[in-house]
Amino acid sequence: MLVVKEITELQAIIDQEKKEGKTIGFVPTMGALHNGHISLVETATQQSNYVIVSIFVNPTQFNDKKDLINYPRTLERDLKLLDKTSCNLVFSPDTDTMYPEEDKRQFNFGQLEKVMEGQFRPGHFNGVAQVVSKFFEIVKPDKAFFGFKDFQQLVIIKALVKQLNLPIEIVPCPIVRENDGLAMSSRNQRLTEEQRHNASHIYKTLCEARNKAHTMSVKELKQWVAETINQNEFLETEYFEISDDEQLNPIKDWNSPLNKVGCIAVQCGEVRLIDNIVFE
């Protein structure tokens, strides 16, 4: 497994691999890797010939600078994890490499960026679009792999590819969970043992909500989820929304023919956790 920090070196390697007819699979990460990331690498390995993983903590997507400072950075451990997979190359640039000058581009995703995460983390998705578009320009992958846990981000990345008219297939990958159901996240590392135990209440509540769907109105179910989460003294609901899976418009009633995804953000101490569940 190669580890590359410079763009020119990376592109020379990619050019050679493409000359040999290989398809490029790309997994962008911010490091602090866990089995969820590894599952993306495994899927990329199955669907492409040459797998590149990026590790870069992108400063422009943090609307809270304290969150940026606290984000775990575990490069040495990450490289050891990836070395046990079929990853061919890790691209680990520094901030000056990715942003030799300030990126002032402003993307417009309309409704997609105004709800849920966009409402509570202003500027977040513009930062995501900045860095992902840079990576796509540098790597020029055939396929890029993103986890379903960051569902709104997944929808926005698809919109980004469409806006920029890029010949890249975005491949959604299933959420990987701990044994108690908590969605795997790099942020989980920052939970205390007690917080970690109580955080499993989030997914349990989402599963109960899916079972209760159609027995109460959408509005009543949303209220029930928030109240049930908030009954746990370690948790506080920031939002719970049931939206369609394409335009992220809130679902008003269960008769809607659109696919429905329930998305939630919960504060657990100083750690903000997100998750989602698909309603049948």
C-alpha atoms as a PDB file:
ATOM      1  CA  MET A   1       0.000   0.000   0.000  1.00  0.00           C
ATOM      2  CA  LEU A   2       1.374   3.358  -1.068  1.00  0.00           C
ATOM      3  CA  VAL A   3       1.066   6.512   1.042  1.00  0.00           C
ATOM      4  CA  VAL A   4       1.205   9.736  -0.965  1.00  0.00           C
ATOM      5  CA  LYS A   5       1.034  13.342   0.201  1.00  0.00           C
ATOM      6  CA  GLU A   6       1.598  15.311  -3.005  1.00  0.00           C
ATOM      7  CA  ILE A   7      -0.939  15.801  -5.803  1.00  0.00           C
ATOM      8  CA  THR A   8       1.529  15.473  -8.684  1.00  0.00           C
ATOM      9  CA  GLU A   9       2.828  12.133  -7.393  1.00  0.00           C
ATOM     10  CA  LEU A  10      -0.719  10.868  -6.905  1.00  0.00           C
ATOM     11  CA  GLN A  11      -1.821  11.861 -10.393  1.00  0.00           C
ATOM     12  CA  ALA A  12       1.222  10.257 -12.011  1.00  0.00           C
ATOM     13  CA  ILE A  13       0.324   6.953 -10.317  1.00  0.00           C
ATOM     14  CA  ILE A  14      -3.341   7.245 -11.312  1.00  0.00           C
ATOM     15  CA  ASP A  15      -2.421   8.014 -14.924  1.00  0.00           C
ATOM     16  CA  GLN A  16      -0.311   4.871 -15.071  1.00  0.00           C
ATOM     17  CA  GLU A  17      -3.053   2.706 -13.553  1.00  0.00           C
ATOM     18  CA  LYS A  18      -5.607   4.083 -16.020  1.00  0.00           C
ATOM     19  CA  LYS A  19      -3.247   3.403 -18.940  1.00  0.00           C
ATOM     20  CA  GLU A  20      -3.297  -0.225 -17.804  1.00  0.00           C
ATOM     21  CA  GLY A  21      -7.085  -0.169 -18.057  1.00  0.00           C
ATOM     22  CA  LYS A  22      -7.831  -0.123 -14.369  1.00  0.00           C
ATOM     23  CA  THR A  23     -10.929   1.514 -12.914  1.00  0.00           C
ATOM     24  CA  ILE A  24     -10.393   3.820  -9.941  1.00  0.00           C
ATOM     25  CA  GLY A  25     -12.481   3.497  -6.780  1.00  0.00           C
ATOM     26  CA  PHE A  26     -12.273   6.373  -4.318  1.00  0.00           C
ATOM     27  CA  VAL A  27     -13.165   6.483  -0.614  1.00  0.00           C
ATOM     28  CA  PRO A  28     -12.834   9.987   0.889  1.00  0.00           C
ATOM     29  CA  THR A  29     -12.457  10.035   4.695  1.00  0.00           C
ATOM     30  CA  MET A  30     -11.423  12.360   7.500  1.00  0.00           C
ATOM     31  CA  GLY A  31      -9.514   9.567   9.217  1.00  0.00           C
ATOM     32  CA  ALA A  32     -10.177   8.169  12.707  1.00  0.00           C
ATOM     33  CA  LEU A  33     -11.190   5.086  10.761  1.00  0.00           C
ATOM     34  CA  HIS A  34     -13.556   2.374  11.987  1.00  0.00           C
ATOM     35  CA  ASN A  35     -15.246  -0.686  10.500  1.00  0.00           C
ATOM     36  CA  GLY A  36     -17.744   1.534   8.674  1.00  0.00           C
ATOM     37  CA  HIS A  37     -14.888   3.019   6.654  1.00  0.00           C
ATOM     38  CA  ILE A  38     -13.371  -0.420   6.130  1.00  0.00           C
ATOM     39  CA  SER A  39     -16.675  -1.646   4.676  1.00  0.00           C
ATOM     40  CA  LEU A  40     -16.491   1.201   2.127  1.00  0.00           C
ATOM     41  CA  VAL A  41     -13.004   0.044   1.148  1.00  0.00           C
ATOM     42  CA  GLU A  42     -14.231  -3.532   0.794  1.00  0.00           C
ATOM     43  CA  THR A  43     -17.116  -2.438  -1.437  1.00  0.00           C
ATOM     44  CA  ALA A  44     -14.733  -0.299  -3.505  1.00  0.00           C
ATOM     45  CA  THR A  45     -12.456  -3.324  -3.893  1.00  0.00           C
ATOM     46  CA  GLN A  46     -15.353  -5.394  -5.226  1.00  0.00           C
ATOM     47  CA  GLN A  47     -16.401  -2.735  -7.733  1.00  0.00           C
ATOM     48  CA  SER A  48     -13.093  -1.302  -8.979  1.00  0.00           C
ATOM     49  CA  ASN A  49      -9.535  -2.376  -9.824  1.00  0.00           C
ATOM     50  CA  TYR A  50      -7.552   0.237  -7.921  1.00  0.00           C
ATOM     51  CA  VAL A  51      -8.722   1.658  -4.582  1.00  0.00           C
ATOM     52  CA  ILE A  52      -7.650   5.058  -3.257  1.00  0.00           C
ATOM     53  CA  VAL A  53      -8.541   6.258   0.244  1.00  0.00           C
ATOM     54  CA  SER A  54      -8.030   9.884   1.215  1.00  0.00           C
ATOM     55  CA  ILE A  55      -7.430  10.945   4.810  1.00  0.00           C
ATOM     56  CA  PHE A  56      -7.898  14.665   5.300  1.00  0.00           C
ATOM     57  CA  VAL A  57      -9.625  16.608   8.084  1.00  0.00           C
ATOM     58  CA  ASN A  58     -11.236  19.323   6.004  1.00  0.00           C
ATOM     59  CA  PRO A  59     -11.356  22.653   7.894  1.00  0.00           C
ATOM     60  CA  THR A  60     -13.922  24.336   5.635  1.00  0.00           C
ATOM     61  CA  GLN A  61     -16.782  22.006   6.609  1.00  0.00           C
ATOM     62  CA  PHE A  62     -16.590  22.719  10.345  1.00  0.00           C
ATOM     63  CA  ASN A  63     -18.954  25.525  11.287  1.00  0.00           C
ATOM     64  CA  ASP A  64     -17.819  25.007  14.908  1.00  0.00           C
ATOM     65  CA  LYS A  65     -14.046  25.563  15.196  1.00  0.00           C
ATOM     66  CA  LYS A  66     -14.037  23.769  18.561  1.00  0.00           C
ATOM     67  CA  ASP A  67     -15.332  20.675  16.781  1.00  0.00           C
ATOM     68  CA  LEU A  68     -12.466  20.950  14.276  1.00  0.00           C
ATOM     69  CA  ILE A  69      -9.910  21.137  17.099  1.00  0.00           C
ATOM     70  CA  ASN A  70     -11.440  18.146  18.892  1.00  0.00           C
ATOM     71  CA  TYR A  71     -11.818  15.945  15.817  1.00  0.00           C
ATOM     72  CA  PRO A  72      -9.684  12.810  16.378  1.00  0.00           C
ATOM     73  CA  ARG A  73      -6.543  12.516  14.266  1.00  0.00           C
ATOM     74  CA  THR A  74      -5.098   8.997  14.275  1.00  0.00           C
ATOM     75  CA  LEU A  75      -3.139   8.722  11.017  1.00  0.00           C
ATOM     76  CA  GLU A  76      -0.666   6.067  12.161  1.00  0.00           C
ATOM     77  CA  ARG A  77      -3.465   3.819  13.417  1.00  0.00           C
ATOM     78  CA  ASP A  78      -5.521   4.480  10.281  1.00  0.00           C
ATOM     79  CA  LEU A  79      -2.660   3.408   8.010  1.00  0.00           C
ATOM     80  CA  LYS A  80      -2.236   0.158   9.962  1.00  0.00           C
ATOM     81  CA  LEU A  81      -5.952  -0.569   9.563  1.00  0.00           C
ATOM     82  CA  LEU A  82      -5.901   0.145   5.830  1.00  0.00           C
ATOM     83  CA  ASP A  83      -2.758  -1.934   5.328  1.00  0.00           C
ATOM     84  CA  LYS A  84      -4.841  -5.007   6.258  1.00  0.00           C
ATOM     85  CA  THR A  85      -7.358  -4.242   3.496  1.00  0.00           C
ATOM     86  CA  SER A  86      -7.109  -4.241  -0.300  1.00  0.00           C
ATOM     87  CA  CYS A  87      -6.538  -0.484  -0.361  1.00  0.00           C
ATOM     88  CA  ASN A  88      -3.877   0.291  -2.967  1.00  0.00           C
ATOM     89  CA  LEU A  89      -3.064   3.884  -2.084  1.00  0.00           C
ATOM     90  CA  VAL A  90      -3.692   6.380   0.714  1.00  0.00           C
ATOM     91  CA  PHE A  91      -3.685  10.070  -0.174  1.00  0.00           C
ATOM     92  CA  SER A  92      -2.956  12.084   2.972  1.00  0.00           C
ATOM     93  CA  PRO A  93      -2.369  15.720   1.986  1.00  0.00           C
ATOM     94  CA  ASP A  94      -1.852  18.607   4.382  1.00  0.00           C
ATOM     95  CA  THR A  95      -4.085  21.682   4.431  1.00  0.00           C
ATOM     96  CA  ASP A  96      -1.728  23.800   2.317  1.00  0.00           C
ATOM     97  CA  THR A  97      -1.762  21.143  -0.397  1.00  0.00           C
ATOM     98  CA  MET A  98      -5.552  21.101  -0.577  1.00  0.00           C
ATOM     99  CA  TYR A  99      -5.968  24.843  -0.063  1.00  0.00           C
ATOM    100  CA  PRO A 100      -2.926  26.674  -1.448  1.00  0.00           C
ATOM    101  CA  GLU A 101      -5.233  29.691  -1.395  1.00  0.00           C
ATOM    102  CA  GLU A 102      -8.625  30.338   0.186  1.00  0.00           C
ATOM    103  CA  ASP A 103     -11.478  28.544  -1.560  1.00  0.00           C
ATOM    104  CA  LYS A 104     -14.190  31.179  -2.015  1.00  0.00           C
ATOM    105  CA  ARG A 105     -16.505  29.080  -4.169  1.00  0.00           C
ATOM    106  CA  GLN A 106     -20.147  29.110  -3.134  1.00  0.00           C
ATOM    107  CA  PHE A 107     -22.304  26.159  -4.162  1.00  0.00           C
ATOM    108  CA  ASN A 108     -26.082  26.293  -4.338  1.00  0.00           C
ATOM    109  CA  PHE A 109     -27.972  23.134  -3.497  1.00  0.00           C
ATOM    110  CA  GLY A 110     -31.298  24.831  -2.825  1.00  0.00           C
ATOM    111  CA  GLN A 111     -33.648  22.932  -0.529  1.00  0.00           C
ATOM    112  CA  LEU A 112     -31.101  20.150   0.001  1.00  0.00           C
ATOM    113  CA  GLU A 113     -28.796  22.352   2.071  1.00  0.00           C
ATOM    114  CA  LYS A 114     -31.466  24.327   3.954  1.00  0.00           C
ATOM    115  CA  VAL A 115     -32.962  21.511   6.028  1.00  0.00           C
ATOM    116  CA  MET A 116     -31.707  19.301   8.862  1.00  0.00           C
ATOM    117  CA  GLU A 117     -27.883  19.448   8.931  1.00  0.00           C
ATOM    118  CA  GLY A 118     -27.908  22.536   6.726  1.00  0.00           C
ATOM    119  CA  GLN A 119     -30.191  24.355   9.144  1.00  0.00           C
ATOM    120  CA  PHE A 120     -28.141  23.522  12.224  1.00  0.00           C
ATOM    121  CA  ARG A 121     -24.667  23.639  10.626  1.00  0.00           C
ATOM    122  CA  PRO A 122     -24.657  26.657   8.298  1.00  0.00           C
ATOM    123  CA  GLY A 123     -21.862  26.513   5.727  1.00  0.00           C
ATOM    124  CA  HIS A 124     -21.155  22.841   6.419  1.00  0.00           C
ATOM    125  CA  PHE A 125     -22.255  21.487   3.054  1.00  0.00           C
ATOM    126  CA  ASN A 126     -20.504  24.244   1.138  1.00  0.00           C
ATOM    127  CA  GLY A 127     -17.283  23.107   2.809  1.00  0.00           C
ATOM    128  CA  VAL A 128     -18.074  19.484   1.954  1.00  0.00           C
ATOM    129  CA  ALA A 129     -18.693  20.450  -1.675  1.00  0.00           C
ATOM    130  CA  GLN A 130     -15.437  22.409  -1.795  1.00  0.00           C
ATOM    131  CA  VAL A 131     -13.266  19.547  -0.618  1.00  0.00           C
ATOM    132  CA  VAL A 132     -15.096  16.732  -2.436  1.00  0.00           C
ATOM    133  CA  SER A 133     -15.021  18.628  -5.740  1.00  0.00           C
ATOM    134  CA  LYS A 134     -11.284  19.192  -5.231  1.00  0.00           C
ATOM    135  CA  PHE A 135     -10.735  15.488  -4.589  1.00  0.00           C
ATOM    136  CA  PHE A 136     -12.824  14.529  -7.617  1.00  0.00           C
ATOM    137  CA  GLU A 137     -10.779  16.895  -9.785  1.00  0.00           C
ATOM    138  CA  ILE A 138      -7.510  15.478  -8.454  1.00  0.00           C
ATOM    139  CA  VAL A 139      -8.365  11.759  -8.420  1.00  0.00           C
ATOM    140  CA  LYS A 140     -10.890  11.596 -11.299  1.00  0.00           C
ATOM    141  CA  PRO A 141     -12.328   8.321  -9.959  1.00  0.00           C
ATOM    142  CA  ASP A 142     -14.743   6.102 -11.857  1.00  0.00           C
ATOM    143  CA  LYS A 143     -16.684   5.433  -8.661  1.00  0.00           C
ATOM    144  CA  ALA A 144     -16.768   7.109  -5.245  1.00  0.00           C
ATOM    145  CA  PHE A 145     -18.124   5.397  -2.135  1.00  0.00           C
ATOM    146  CA  PHE A 146     -20.069   7.142   0.635  1.00  0.00           C
ATOM    147  CA  GLY A 147     -21.800   5.803   3.735  1.00  0.00           C
ATOM    148  CA  PHE A 148     -25.571   5.987   4.129  1.00  0.00           C
ATOM    149  CA  LYS A 149     -25.172   7.258   7.708  1.00  0.00           C
ATOM    150  CA  ASP A 150     -24.464  10.733   6.345  1.00  0.00           C
ATOM    151  CA  PHE A 151     -27.618  10.523   4.265  1.00  0.00           C
ATOM    152  CA  GLN A 152     -28.074  14.234   3.557  1.00  0.00           C
ATOM    153  CA  GLN A 153     -24.414  14.496   2.544  1.00  0.00           C
ATOM    154  CA  LEU A 154     -24.928  11.565   0.170  1.00  0.00           C
ATOM    155  CA  VAL A 155     -27.854  13.347  -1.530  1.00  0.00           C
ATOM    156  CA  ILE A 156     -25.816  16.548  -1.825  1.00  0.00           C
ATOM    157  CA  ILE A 157     -22.773  14.744  -3.278  1.00  0.00           C
ATOM    158  CA  LYS A 158     -25.045  13.274  -5.959  1.00  0.00           C
ATOM    159  CA  ALA A 159     -26.321  16.791  -6.682  1.00  0.00           C
ATOM    160  CA  LEU A 160     -22.726  18.088  -6.828  1.00  0.00           C
ATOM    161  CA  VAL A 161     -21.736  15.486  -9.416  1.00  0.00           C
ATOM    162  CA  LYS A 162     -24.795  16.407 -11.467  1.00  0.00           C
ATOM    163  CA  GLN A 163     -24.081  20.160 -11.220  1.00  0.00           C
ATOM    164  CA  LEU A 164     -20.459  19.747 -12.284  1.00  0.00           C
ATOM    165  CA  ASN A 165     -21.390  17.147 -14.919  1.00  0.00           C
ATOM    166  CA  LEU A 166     -18.769  14.708 -13.647  1.00  0.00           C
ATOM    167  CA  PRO A 167     -18.563  11.145 -15.037  1.00  0.00           C
ATOM    168  CA  ILE A 168     -18.403   9.648 -11.542  1.00  0.00           C
ATOM    169  CA  GLU A 169     -20.775   7.050 -10.123  1.00  0.00           C
ATOM    170  CA  ILE A 170     -21.673   7.709  -6.487  1.00  0.00           C
ATOM    171  CA  VAL A 171     -22.138   4.410  -4.656  1.00  0.00           C
ATOM    172  CA  PRO A 172     -24.149   4.506  -1.396  1.00  0.00           C
ATOM    173  CA  CYS A 173     -23.014   1.948   1.194  1.00  0.00           C
ATOM    174  CA  PRO A 174     -25.050   0.593   4.150  1.00  0.00           C
ATOM    175  CA  ILE A 175     -24.658   1.886   7.701  1.00  0.00           C
ATOM    176  CA  VAL A 176     -22.352  -0.297   9.806  1.00  0.00           C
ATOM    177  CA  ARG A 177     -23.440  -0.549  13.433  1.00  0.00           C
ATOM    178  CA  GLU A 178     -21.997  -1.609  16.752  1.00  0.00           C
ATOM    179  CA  ASN A 179     -23.515  -4.697  18.398  1.00  0.00           C
ATOM    180  CA  ASP A 180     -25.983  -2.515  20.323  1.00  0.00           C
ATOM    181  CA  GLY A 181     -27.060  -0.671  17.171  1.00  0.00           C
ATOM    182  CA  LEU A 182     -25.133   2.591  17.521  1.00  0.00           C
ATOM    183  CA  ALA A 183     -24.045   3.770  14.075  1.00  0.00           C
ATOM    184  CA  MET A 184     -20.267   3.628  13.788  1.00  0.00           C
ATOM    185  CA  SER A 185     -18.739   7.107  13.764  1.00  0.00           C
ATOM    186  CA  SER A 186     -15.339   8.628  14.410  1.00  0.00           C
ATOM    187  CA  ARG A 187     -17.064  10.845  16.976  1.00  0.00           C
ATOM    188  CA  ASN A 188     -17.954   7.816  19.095  1.00  0.00           C
ATOM    189  CA  GLN A 189     -14.344   7.822  20.314  1.00  0.00           C
ATOM    190  CA  ARG A 190     -15.102  11.006  22.252  1.00  0.00           C
ATOM    191  CA  LEU A 191     -17.984   9.494  24.260  1.00  0.00           C
ATOM    192  CA  THR A 192     -17.437   8.514  27.883  1.00  0.00           C
ATOM    193  CA  GLU A 193     -18.304   4.921  28.798  1.00  0.00           C
ATOM    194  CA  GLU A 194     -21.616   6.043  30.295  1.00  0.00           C
ATOM    195  CA  GLN A 195     -22.482   8.239  27.300  1.00  0.00           C
ATOM    196  CA  ARG A 196     -21.537   5.431  24.933  1.00  0.00           C
ATOM    197  CA  HIS A 197     -23.908   3.045  26.716  1.00  0.00           C
ATOM    198  CA  ASN A 198     -26.807   5.517  26.557  1.00  0.00           C
ATOM    199  CA  ALA A 199     -26.150   6.490  22.925  1.00  0.00           C
ATOM    200  CA  SER A 200     -27.506   3.097  21.828  1.00  0.00           C
ATOM    201  CA  HIS A 201     -30.948   4.454  22.842  1.00  0.00           C
ATOM    202  CA  ILE A 202     -30.966   6.467  19.570  1.00  0.00           C
ATOM    203  CA  TYR A 203     -31.149   3.484  17.222  1.00  0.00           C
ATOM    204  CA  LYS A 204     -33.499   1.571  19.521  1.00  0.00           C
ATOM    205  CA  THR A 205     -35.891   4.529  19.329  1.00  0.00           C
ATOM    206  CA  LEU A 206     -35.604   4.731  15.537  1.00  0.00           C
ATOM    207  CA  CYS A 207     -36.453   1.024  15.239  1.00  0.00           C
ATOM    208  CA  GLU A 208     -39.470   1.480  17.500  1.00  0.00           C
ATOM    209  CA  ALA A 209     -40.518   4.467  15.389  1.00  0.00           C
ATOM    210  CA  ARG A 210     -40.401   2.372  12.236  1.00  0.00           C
ATOM    211  CA  ASN A 211     -42.657  -0.204  13.937  1.00  0.00           C
ATOM    212  CA  LYS A 212     -45.062   2.538  15.019  1.00  0.00           C
ATOM    213  CA  ALA A 213     -45.266   4.136  11.574  1.00  0.00           C
ATOM    214  CA  HIS A 214     -48.821   4.187  10.214  1.00  0.00           C
ATOM    215  CA  THR A 215     -50.234   3.765  13.749  1.00  0.00           C
ATOM    216  CA  MET A 216     -49.948   7.513  14.300  1.00  0.00           C
ATOM    217  CA  SER A 217     -49.556  10.566  12.073  1.00  0.00           C
ATOM    218  CA  VAL A 218     -46.151  11.660  10.818  1.00  0.00           C
ATOM    219  CA  LYS A 219     -46.348  14.713  13.089  1.00  0.00           C
ATOM    220  CA  GLU A 220     -47.222  12.591  16.131  1.00  0.00           C
ATOM    221  CA  LEU A 221     -44.430  10.118  15.401  1.00  0.00           C
ATOM    222  CA  LYS A 222     -41.849  12.886  15.069  1.00  0.00           C
ATOM    223  CA  GLN A 223     -42.950  14.273  18.433  1.00  0.00           C
ATOM    224  CA  TRP A 224     -42.856  10.807  19.996  1.00  0.00           C
ATOM    225  CA  VAL A 225     -39.276  10.199  18.794  1.00  0.00           C
ATOM    226  CA  ALA A 226     -38.011  13.520  20.164  1.00  0.00           C
ATOM    227  CA  GLU A 227     -39.734  13.010  23.510  1.00  0.00           C
ATOM    228  CA  THR A 228     -38.531   9.401  23.824  1.00  0.00           C
ATOM    229  CA  ILE A 229     -34.919  10.394  23.095  1.00  0.00           C
ATOM    230  CA  ASN A 230     -35.097  13.323  25.508  1.00  0.00           C
ATOM    231  CA  GLN A 231     -36.325  11.106  28.332  1.00  0.00           C
ATOM    232  CA  ASN A 232     -32.759   9.816  28.495  1.00  0.00           C
ATOM    233  CA  GLU A 233     -30.801  12.318  30.585  1.00  0.00           C
ATOM    234  CA  PHE A 234     -27.686  11.817  28.457  1.00  0.00           C
ATOM    235  CA  LEU A 235     -29.391  12.691  25.178  1.00  0.00           C
ATOM    236  CA  GLU A 236     -31.009  15.764  23.653  1.00  0.00           C
ATOM    237  CA  THR A 237     -32.699  15.720  20.239  1.00  0.00           C
ATOM    238  CA  GLU A 238     -31.600  18.480  17.890  1.00  0.00           C
ATOM    239  CA  TYR A 239     -33.967  17.421  15.121  1.00  0.00           C
ATOM    240  CA  PHE A 240     -35.861  14.418  13.825  1.00  0.00           C
ATOM    241  CA  GLU A 241     -37.272  14.743  10.326  1.00  0.00           C
ATOM    242  CA  ILE A 242     -38.941  12.296   7.960  1.00  0.00           C
ATOM    243  CA  SER A 243     -38.122  13.314   4.387  1.00  0.00           C
ATOM    244  CA  ASP A 244     -38.246  11.961   0.873  1.00  0.00           C
ATOM    245  CA  ASP A 245     -34.951  10.490  -0.287  1.00  0.00           C
ATOM    246  CA  GLU A 246     -34.397  12.734  -3.319  1.00  0.00           C
ATOM    247  CA  GLN A 247     -35.388  16.350  -2.578  1.00  0.00           C
ATOM    248  CA  LEU A 248     -35.377  16.012   1.243  1.00  0.00           C
ATOM    249  CA  ASN A 249     -38.813  17.580   1.472  1.00  0.00           C
ATOM    250  CA  PRO A 250     -40.581  16.757   4.754  1.00  0.00           C
ATOM    251  CA  ILE A 251     -43.157  13.985   4.418  1.00  0.00           C
ATOM    252  CA  LYS A 252     -46.593  15.165   5.543  1.00  0.00           C
ATOM    253  CA  ASP A 253     -48.409  11.826   5.628  1.00  0.00           C
ATOM    254  CA  TRP A 254     -47.727   8.122   5.158  1.00  0.00           C
ATOM    255  CA  ASN A 255     -49.693   7.972   1.909  1.00  0.00           C
ATOM    256  CA  SER A 256     -46.904   9.774   0.077  1.00  0.00           C
ATOM    257  CA  PRO A 257     -45.586   7.520  -2.751  1.00  0.00           C
ATOM    258  CA  LEU A 258     -42.016   8.760  -2.159  1.00  0.00           C
ATOM    259  CA  ASN A 259     -39.358   6.773  -0.317  1.00  0.00           C
ATOM    260  CA  LYS A 260     -39.138   7.986   3.277  1.00  0.00           C
ATOM    261  CA  VAL A 261     -36.031   8.375   5.447  1.00  0.00           C
ATOM    262  CA  GLY A 262     -36.110   9.417   9.099  1.00  0.00           C
ATOM    263  CA  CYS A 263     -33.009  11.484   9.921  1.00  0.00           C
ATOM    264  CA  ILE A 264     -31.962  12.432  13.437  1.00  0.00           C
ATOM    265  CA  ALA A 265     -29.268  14.475  15.182  1.00  0.00           C
ATOM    266  CA  VAL A 266     -28.741  14.044  18.918  1.00  0.00           C
ATOM    267  CA  GLN A 267     -26.420  15.790  21.322  1.00  0.00           C
ATOM    268  CA  CYS A 268     -24.732  13.391  23.745  1.00  0.00           C
ATOM    269  CA  GLY A 269     -22.645  15.497  26.114  1.00  0.00           C
ATOM    270  CA  GLU A 270     -20.376  17.506  23.824  1.00  0.00           C
ATOM    271  CA  VAL A 271     -20.618  14.953  21.015  1.00  0.00           C
ATOM    272  CA  ARG A 272     -23.152  15.333  18.223  1.00  0.00           C
ATOM    273  CA  LEU A 273     -24.424  12.056  16.748  1.00  0.00           C
ATOM    274  CA  ILE A 274     -26.459  11.537  13.579  1.00  0.00           C
ATOM    275  CA  ASP A 275     -28.326   8.497  12.326  1.00  0.00           C
ATOM    276  CA  ASN A 276     -31.215   7.578  10.054  1.00  0.00           C
ATOM    277  CA  ILE A 277     -33.657   4.827   9.264  1.00  0.00           C
ATOM    278  CA  VAL A 278     -35.641   3.963   6.147  1.00  0.00           C
ATOM    279  CA  PHE A 279     -39.413   3.685   6.559  1.00  0.00           C
ATOM    280  CA  GLU A 280     -41.060   0.930   4.541  1.00  0.00           C
END
